[in-house]
């Protein structure tokens, strides 16, 4: 059996034991739980530790042509007066 398959079986067994412990079906001591966590960290990525460090670029397009007041009123109506 290739090492990759053995590793997957071990991971599955660790997850099974932890799941049974969470459901109250298996008693595990603190050192057993810690050992399981350490082994899982060795074979599974910790997604909480991923940090984005790249540069984010945003592009904006600005239209230099503004509508005239007549064009604005034709499309949106005349501006309303606010009561003070």
Protein backbone atom coordinates (compact mmCIF):
# COMPACT_ATOMS: atom_id res chain seq x y z
CA UNK A 1 0.00 0.00 0.00
CA UNK A 2 1.48 3.40 -0.97
CA UNK A 3 2.41 5.84 1.81
CA UNK A 4 -0.21 8.30 0.55
CA UNK A 5 -3.00 5.80 1.25
CA UNK A 6 -1.59 4.98 4.70
CA UNK A 7 -1.52 8.70 5.55
CA UNK A 8 -5.15 9.14 4.43
CA UNK A 9 -6.22 6.18 6.54
CA UNK A 10 -4.45 7.62 9.60
CA UNK A 11 -6.07 11.03 9.07
CA UNK A 12 -9.48 9.38 8.73
CA UNK A 13 -8.93 7.43 11.95
CA UNK A 14 -7.88 10.57 13.87
CA UNK A 15 -10.93 12.46 12.64
CA UNK A 16 -13.15 9.50 13.53
CA UNK A 17 -11.79 9.39 17.09
CA UNK A 18 -12.20 13.15 17.56
CA UNK A 19 -15.75 13.01 16.18
CA UNK A 20 -16.65 10.17 18.55
CA UNK A 21 -15.17 12.14 21.44
CA UNK A 22 -17.26 15.18 20.52
CA UNK A 23 -20.39 13.02 20.45
CA UNK A 24 -19.56 11.52 23.84
CA UNK A 25 -18.94 8.04 22.42
CA UNK A 26 -15.19 7.93 23.16
CA UNK A 27 -13.26 9.18 26.16
CA UNK A 28 -10.02 10.96 25.33
CA UNK A 29 -7.61 12.63 27.69
CA UNK A 30 -6.19 16.11 27.12
CA UNK A 31 -2.87 14.71 25.90
CA UNK A 32 -4.64 12.45 23.38
CA UNK A 33 -6.62 15.39 22.02
CA UNK A 34 -3.49 17.53 21.82
CA UNK A 35 -1.60 14.74 20.04
CA UNK A 36 -4.45 14.42 17.51
CA UNK A 37 -4.36 18.18 16.88
CA UNK A 38 -0.60 18.10 16.35
CA UNK A 39 -0.85 15.20 13.89
CA UNK A 40 -3.66 16.88 11.96
CA UNK A 41 -1.63 20.09 11.68
CA UNK A 42 1.14 18.07 10.07
CA UNK A 43 -1.08 16.70 7.31
CA UNK A 44 -3.89 19.24 6.84
CA UNK A 45 -3.50 22.97 6.06
CA UNK A 46 -4.62 25.41 8.72
CA UNK A 47 -6.84 27.74 6.70
CA UNK A 48 -7.01 30.30 9.49
CA UNK A 49 -3.30 31.01 9.02
CA UNK A 50 -3.60 32.06 5.37
CA UNK A 51 -2.92 35.75 4.89
CA UNK A 52 -3.25 37.74 1.67
CA UNK A 53 -0.12 39.77 1.11
CA UNK A 54 -0.49 40.72 -2.55
CA UNK A 55 -1.24 44.14 -3.91
CA UNK A 56 -4.84 44.99 -4.77
CA UNK A 57 -5.27 47.22 -7.80
CA UNK A 58 -8.54 48.95 -8.61
CA UNK A 59 -9.27 50.59 -11.93
CA UNK A 60 -11.80 53.37 -12.28
CA UNK A 61 -13.23 54.82 -15.48
CA UNK A 62 -14.42 58.41 -15.40
CA UNK A 63 -16.54 59.85 -18.14
CA UNK A 64 -15.38 63.39 -18.92
CA UNK A 65 -18.67 64.24 -20.58
CA UNK A 66 -21.25 65.57 -18.13
CA UNK A 67 -24.81 66.13 -19.26
CA UNK A 68 -26.05 69.66 -19.67
CA UNK A 69 -28.82 70.86 -17.35
CA UNK A 70 -31.35 70.42 -20.16
CA UNK A 71 -30.22 66.83 -20.80
CA UNK A 72 -30.36 66.07 -17.07
CA UNK A 73 -33.88 67.49 -16.71
CA UNK A 74 -35.03 65.61 -19.83
CA UNK A 75 -33.82 62.31 -18.36
CA UNK A 76 -34.46 62.77 -14.63
CA UNK A 77 -36.82 65.71 -14.34
CA UNK A 78 -36.29 69.13 -12.84
CA UNK A 79 -34.54 69.32 -9.47
CA UNK A 80 -36.90 69.64 -6.52
CA UNK A 81 -36.62 72.56 -4.13
CA UNK A 82 -35.94 71.59 -0.54
CA UNK A 83 -38.00 73.31 2.18
CA UNK A 84 -35.81 74.76 4.89
